[in-house]
Amino acid sequence: MDYTLPIKNESDYEKASERAEELMGAKPGTAGKKELDQLLKALKAYEDDFVNMLRGYSAD
């Protein structure tokens, strides 16, 4: 695993995105599917935080 959770920076985001792409199509009930689900939640959280940060800048 070359990424860390939670995702804290762009480098981690890129690594996690690459890994998620590798795991796409993992079968339900497998370790790969569990890892994919965790990655997708972490990626979404990072993206949401990033968007909120940008909104904060535009409000000024």
PDB file of N, CA and C in Angstrom:
ATOM      1  N   MET A   1       0.849  -1.164   0.000  1.00  0.00           N
ATOM      2  CA  MET A   1       0.000   0.000   0.000  1.00  0.00           C
ATOM      3  C   MET A   1       0.899   1.233   0.000  1.00  0.00           C
ATOM      4  N   ASP A   2       0.820   2.027  -1.059  1.00  0.00           N
ATOM      5  CA  ASP A   2       1.653   3.212  -1.213  1.00  0.00           C
ATOM      6  C   ASP A   2       0.941   4.497  -0.829  1.00  0.00           C
ATOM      7  N   TYR A   3      -0.233   4.415  -0.296  1.00  0.00           N
ATOM      8  CA  TYR A   3      -1.014   5.587   0.074  1.00  0.00           C
ATOM      9  C   TYR A   3      -1.326   5.506   1.559  1.00  0.00           C
ATOM     10  N   THR A   4      -1.741   6.631   2.113  1.00  0.00           N
ATOM     11  CA  THR A   4      -2.133   6.643   3.526  1.00  0.00           C
ATOM     12  C   THR A   4      -3.579   7.110   3.642  1.00  0.00           C
ATOM     13  N   LEU A   5      -4.247   6.626   4.652  1.00  0.00           N
ATOM     14  CA  LEU A   5      -5.617   7.038   4.945  1.00  0.00           C
ATOM     15  C   LEU A   5      -5.631   7.640   6.339  1.00  0.00           C
ATOM     16  N   PRO A   6      -6.287   8.727   6.598  1.00  0.00           N
ATOM     17  CA  PRO A   6      -7.005   9.517   5.611  1.00  0.00           C
ATOM     18  C   PRO A   6      -6.036  10.212   4.654  1.00  0.00           C
ATOM     19  N   ILE A   7      -6.532  10.573   3.500  1.00  0.00           N
ATOM     20  CA  ILE A   7      -5.736  11.254   2.492  1.00  0.00           C
ATOM     21  C   ILE A   7      -5.550  12.696   2.937  1.00  0.00           C
ATOM     22  N   LYS A   8      -4.278  13.126   3.003  1.00  0.00           N
ATOM     23  CA  LYS A   8      -3.989  14.454   3.536  1.00  0.00           C
ATOM     24  C   LYS A   8      -3.356  15.406   2.539  1.00  0.00           C
ATOM     25  N   ASN A   9      -2.918  14.879   1.391  1.00  0.00           N
ATOM     26  CA  ASN A   9      -2.266  15.762   0.423  1.00  0.00           C
ATOM     27  C   ASN A   9      -2.451  15.219  -0.994  1.00  0.00           C
ATOM     28  N   GLU A  10      -2.040  16.015  -1.960  1.00  0.00           N
ATOM     29  CA  GLU A  10      -2.236  15.660  -3.362  1.00  0.00           C
ATOM     30  C   GLU A  10      -1.492  14.383  -3.747  1.00  0.00           C
ATOM     31  N   SER A  11      -0.320  14.187  -3.188  1.00  0.00           N
ATOM     32  CA  SER A  11       0.453  12.979  -3.490  1.00  0.00           C
ATOM     33  C   SER A  11      -0.299  11.727  -3.031  1.00  0.00           C
ATOM     34  N   ASP A  12      -0.810  11.752  -1.816  1.00  0.00           N
ATOM     35  CA  ASP A  12      -1.604  10.619  -1.313  1.00  0.00           C
ATOM     36  C   ASP A  12      -2.853  10.418  -2.165  1.00  0.00           C
ATOM     37  N   TYR A  13      -3.464  11.535  -2.580  1.00  0.00           N
ATOM     38  CA  TYR A  13      -4.667  11.469  -3.406  1.00  0.00           C
ATOM     39  C   TYR A  13      -4.374  10.764  -4.731  1.00  0.00           C
ATOM     40  N   GLU A  14      -3.286  11.138  -5.360  1.00  0.00           N
ATOM     41  CA  GLU A  14      -2.920  10.523  -6.632  1.00  0.00           C
ATOM     42  C   GLU A  14      -2.637   9.028  -6.480  1.00  0.00           C
ATOM     43  N   LYS A  15      -1.904   8.673  -5.435  1.00  0.00           N
ATOM     44  CA  LYS A  15      -1.586   7.261  -5.203  1.00  0.00           C
ATOM     45  C   LYS A  15      -2.849   6.457  -4.908  1.00  0.00           C
ATOM     46  N   ALA A  16      -3.726   7.022  -4.099  1.00  0.00           N
ATOM     47  CA  ALA A  16      -4.972   6.329  -3.766  1.00  0.00           C
ATOM     48  C   ALA A  16      -5.860   6.194  -5.001  1.00  0.00           C
ATOM     49  N   SER A  17      -5.879   7.217  -5.841  1.00  0.00           N
ATOM     50  CA  SER A  17      -6.667   7.153  -7.082  1.00  0.00           C
ATOM     51  C   SER A  17      -6.153   6.053  -8.004  1.00  0.00           C
ATOM     52  N   GLU A  18      -4.852   5.967  -8.129  1.00  0.00           N
ATOM     53  CA  GLU A  18      -4.248   4.925  -8.969  1.00  0.00           C
ATOM     54  C   GLU A  18      -4.595   3.537  -8.436  1.00  0.00           C
ATOM     55  N   ARG A  19      -4.509   3.392  -7.126  1.00  0.00           N
ATOM     56  CA  ARG A  19      -4.823   2.087  -6.529  1.00  0.00           C
ATOM     57  C   ARG A  19      -6.299   1.751  -6.725  1.00  0.00           C
ATOM     58  N   ALA A  20      -7.171   2.746  -6.576  1.00  0.00           N
ATOM     59  CA  ALA A  20      -8.600   2.507  -6.771  1.00  0.00           C
ATOM     60  C   ALA A  20      -8.869   2.043  -8.200  1.00  0.00           C
ATOM     61  N   GLU A  21      -8.190   2.640  -9.160  1.00  0.00           N
ATOM     62  CA  GLU A  21      -8.355   2.213 -10.548  1.00  0.00           C
ATOM     63  C   GLU A  21      -7.947   0.757 -10.724  1.00  0.00           C
ATOM     64  N   GLU A  22      -6.866   0.354 -10.062  1.00  0.00           N
ATOM     65  CA  GLU A  22      -6.406  -1.030 -10.133  1.00  0.00           C
ATOM     66  C   GLU A  22      -7.444  -1.995  -9.569  1.00  0.00           C
ATOM     67  N   LEU A  23      -8.179  -1.533  -8.554  1.00  0.00           N
ATOM     68  CA  LEU A  23      -9.128  -2.402  -7.864  1.00  0.00           C
ATOM     69  C   LEU A  23     -10.529  -2.395  -8.471  1.00  0.00           C
ATOM     70  N   MET A  24     -10.771  -1.501  -9.428  1.00  0.00           N
ATOM     71  CA  MET A  24     -12.102  -1.451 -10.042  1.00  0.00           C
ATOM     72  C   MET A  24     -12.461  -2.835 -10.586  1.00  0.00           C
ATOM     73  N   GLY A  25     -13.660  -3.256 -10.322  1.00  0.00           N
ATOM     74  CA  GLY A  25     -14.111  -4.565 -10.768  1.00  0.00           C
ATOM     75  C   GLY A  25     -13.854  -5.670  -9.757  1.00  0.00           C
ATOM     76  N   ALA A  26     -13.340  -5.295  -8.562  1.00  0.00           N
ATOM     77  CA  ALA A  26     -13.121  -6.302  -7.526  1.00  0.00           C
ATOM     78  C   ALA A  26     -14.460  -6.936  -7.148  1.00  0.00           C
ATOM     79  N   LYS A  27     -14.436  -8.212  -6.911  1.00  0.00           N
ATOM     80  CA  LYS A  27     -15.663  -8.942  -6.601  1.00  0.00           C
ATOM     81  C   LYS A  27     -16.102  -8.709  -5.157  1.00  0.00           C
ATOM     82  N   PRO A  28     -17.422  -8.582  -4.952  1.00  0.00           N
ATOM     83  CA  PRO A  28     -17.952  -8.406  -3.592  1.00  0.00           C
ATOM     84  C   PRO A  28     -17.468  -9.524  -2.665  1.00  0.00           C
ATOM     85  N   GLY A  29     -17.183  -9.141  -1.436  1.00  0.00           N
ATOM     86  CA  GLY A  29     -16.758 -10.123  -0.441  1.00  0.00           C
ATOM     87  C   GLY A  29     -15.264 -10.389  -0.439  1.00  0.00           C
ATOM     88  N   THR A  30     -14.515  -9.732  -1.326  1.00  0.00           N
ATOM     89  CA  THR A  30     -13.069  -9.948  -1.380  1.00  0.00           C
ATOM     90  C   THR A  30     -12.339  -8.823  -0.654  1.00  0.00           C
ATOM     91  N   ALA A  31     -11.093  -9.080  -0.323  1.00  0.00           N
ATOM     92  CA  ALA A  31     -10.268  -8.053   0.310  1.00  0.00           C
ATOM     93  C   ALA A  31     -10.101  -6.859  -0.622  1.00  0.00           C
ATOM     94  N   GLY A  32      -9.999  -7.108  -1.914  1.00  0.00           N
ATOM     95  CA  GLY A  32      -9.872  -6.029  -2.885  1.00  0.00           C
ATOM     96  C   GLY A  32     -11.074  -5.115  -2.891  1.00  0.00           C
ATOM     97  N   LYS A  33     -12.258  -5.687  -2.774  1.00  0.00           N
ATOM     98  CA  LYS A  33     -13.491  -4.886  -2.748  1.00  0.00           C
ATOM     99  C   LYS A  33     -13.559  -4.052  -1.472  1.00  0.00           C
ATOM    100  N   LYS A  34     -13.141  -4.640  -0.358  1.00  0.00           N
ATOM    101  CA  LYS A  34     -13.134  -3.912   0.906  1.00  0.00           C
ATOM    102  C   LYS A  34     -12.157  -2.736   0.826  1.00  0.00           C
ATOM    103  N   GLU A  35     -10.971  -2.987   0.267  1.00  0.00           N
ATOM    104  CA  GLU A  35      -9.979  -1.921   0.105  1.00  0.00           C
ATOM    105  C   GLU A  35     -10.513  -0.827  -0.827  1.00  0.00           C
ATOM    106  N   LEU A  36     -11.146  -1.235  -1.917  1.00  0.00           N
ATOM    107  CA  LEU A  36     -11.716  -0.283  -2.859  1.00  0.00           C
ATOM    108  C   LEU A  36     -12.760   0.595  -2.182  1.00  0.00           C
ATOM    109  N   ASP A  37     -13.638   0.009  -1.410  1.00  0.00           N
ATOM    110  CA  ASP A  37     -14.670   0.777  -0.709  1.00  0.00           C
ATOM    111  C   ASP A  37     -14.046   1.805   0.238  1.00  0.00           C
ATOM    112  N   GLN A  38     -13.004   1.397   0.965  1.00  0.00           N
ATOM    113  CA  GLN A  38     -12.319   2.317   1.875  1.00  0.00           C
ATOM    114  C   GLN A  38     -11.659   3.454   1.103  1.00  0.00           C
ATOM    115  N   LEU A  39     -11.035   3.108  -0.007  1.00  0.00           N
ATOM    116  CA  LEU A  39     -10.384   4.124  -0.829  1.00  0.00           C
ATOM    117  C   LEU A  39     -11.383   5.126  -1.387  1.00  0.00           C
ATOM    118  N   LEU A  40     -12.495   4.637  -1.887  1.00  0.00           N
ATOM    119  CA  LEU A  40     -13.491   5.525  -2.466  1.00  0.00           C
ATOM    120  C   LEU A  40     -14.054   6.482  -1.424  1.00  0.00           C
ATOM    121  N   LYS A  41     -14.264   6.007  -0.210  1.00  0.00           N
ATOM    122  CA  LYS A  41     -14.740   6.888   0.868  1.00  0.00           C
ATOM    123  C   LYS A  41     -13.690   7.942   1.202  1.00  0.00           C
ATOM    124  N   ALA A  42     -12.430   7.536   1.261  1.00  0.00           N
ATOM    125  CA  ALA A  42     -11.348   8.473   1.581  1.00  0.00           C
ATOM    126  C   ALA A  42     -11.160   9.488   0.456  1.00  0.00           C
ATOM    127  N   LEU A  43     -11.244   9.042  -0.782  1.00  0.00           N
ATOM    128  CA  LEU A  43     -11.123   9.951  -1.925  1.00  0.00           C
ATOM    129  C   LEU A  43     -12.247  10.978  -1.920  1.00  0.00           C
ATOM    130  N   LYS A  44     -13.458  10.527  -1.654  1.00  0.00           N
ATOM    131  CA  LYS A  44     -14.613  11.433  -1.612  1.00  0.00           C
ATOM    132  C   LYS A  44     -14.447  12.461  -0.495  1.00  0.00           C
ATOM    133  N   ALA A  45     -13.988  12.019   0.667  1.00  0.00           N
ATOM    134  CA  ALA A  45     -13.789  12.934   1.788  1.00  0.00           C
ATOM    135  C   ALA A  45     -12.743  13.990   1.441  1.00  0.00           C
ATOM    136  N   TYR A  46     -11.653  13.577   0.807  1.00  0.00           N
ATOM    137  CA  TYR A  46     -10.617  14.529   0.406  1.00  0.00           C
ATOM    138  C   TYR A  46     -11.169  15.527  -0.608  1.00  0.00           C
ATOM    139  N   GLU A  47     -11.901  15.047  -1.587  1.00  0.00           N
ATOM    140  CA  GLU A  47     -12.487  15.921  -2.600  1.00  0.00           C
ATOM    141  C   GLU A  47     -13.474  16.902  -1.972  1.00  0.00           C
ATOM    142  N   ASP A  48     -14.297  16.420  -1.059  1.00  0.00           N
ATOM    143  CA  ASP A  48     -15.260  17.298  -0.383  1.00  0.00           C
ATOM    144  C   ASP A  48     -14.541  18.390   0.404  1.00  0.00           C
ATOM    145  N   ASP A  49     -13.475  18.017   1.125  1.00  0.00           N
ATOM    146  CA  ASP A  49     -12.703  18.999   1.879  1.00  0.00           C
ATOM    147  C   ASP A  49     -12.074  20.033   0.946  1.00  0.00           C
ATOM    148  N   PHE A  50     -11.570  19.570  -0.190  1.00  0.00           N
ATOM    149  CA  PHE A  50     -10.943  20.469  -1.153  1.00  0.00           C
ATOM    150  C   PHE A  50     -11.962  21.464  -1.711  1.00  0.00           C
ATOM    151  N   VAL A  51     -13.132  20.975  -2.074  1.00  0.00           N
ATOM    152  CA  VAL A  51     -14.182  21.854  -2.602  1.00  0.00           C
ATOM    153  C   VAL A  51     -14.603  22.866  -1.540  1.00  0.00           C
ATOM    154  N   ASN A  52     -14.762  22.421  -0.308  1.00  0.00           N
ATOM    155  CA  ASN A  52     -15.137  23.339   0.772  1.00  0.00           C
ATOM    156  C   ASN A  52     -14.080  24.407   0.988  1.00  0.00           C
ATOM    157  N   MET A  53     -12.810  24.021   0.857  1.00  0.00           N
ATOM    158  CA  MET A  53     -11.728  24.981   0.995  1.00  0.00           C
ATOM    159  C   MET A  53     -11.829  26.029  -0.121  1.00  0.00           C
ATOM    160  N   LEU A  54     -12.075  25.593  -1.344  1.00  0.00           N
ATOM    161  CA  LEU A  54     -12.197  26.527  -2.462  1.00  0.00           C
ATOM    162  C   LEU A  54     -13.396  27.457  -2.283  1.00  0.00           C
ATOM    163  N   ARG A  55     -14.477  26.937  -1.786  1.00  0.00           N
ATOM    164  CA  ARG A  55     -15.649  27.776  -1.525  1.00  0.00           C
ATOM    165  C   ARG A  55     -15.332  28.841  -0.493  1.00  0.00           C
ATOM    166  N   GLY A  56     -14.546  28.470   0.483  1.00  0.00           N
ATOM    167  CA  GLY A  56     -14.139  29.432   1.519  1.00  0.00           C
ATOM    168  C   GLY A  56     -13.333  30.579   0.948  1.00  0.00           C
ATOM    169  N   TYR A  57     -12.486  30.289  -0.015  1.00  0.00           N
ATOM    170  CA  TYR A  57     -11.685  31.330  -0.644  1.00  0.00           C
ATOM    171  C   TYR A  57     -12.545  32.256  -1.504  1.00  0.00           C
ATOM    172  N   SER A  58     -13.542  31.694  -2.158  1.00  0.00           N
ATOM    173  CA  SER A  58     -14.375  32.514  -3.043  1.00  0.00           C
ATOM    174  C   SER A  58     -15.345  33.402  -2.254  1.00  0.00           C
ATOM    175  N   ALA A  59     -15.564  33.081  -0.991  1.00  0.00           N
ATOM    176  CA  ALA A  59     -16.500  33.858  -0.180  1.00  0.00           C
ATOM    177  C   ALA A  59     -15.876  35.182   0.267  1.00  0.00           C
ATOM    178  N   ASP A  60     -14.570  35.299   0.196  1.00  0.00           N
ATOM    179  CA  ASP A  60     -13.896  36.527   0.630  1.00  0.00           C
ATOM    180  C   ASP A  60     -14.051  37.662  -0.325  1.00  0.00           C
TER     181      ASP A  60
END
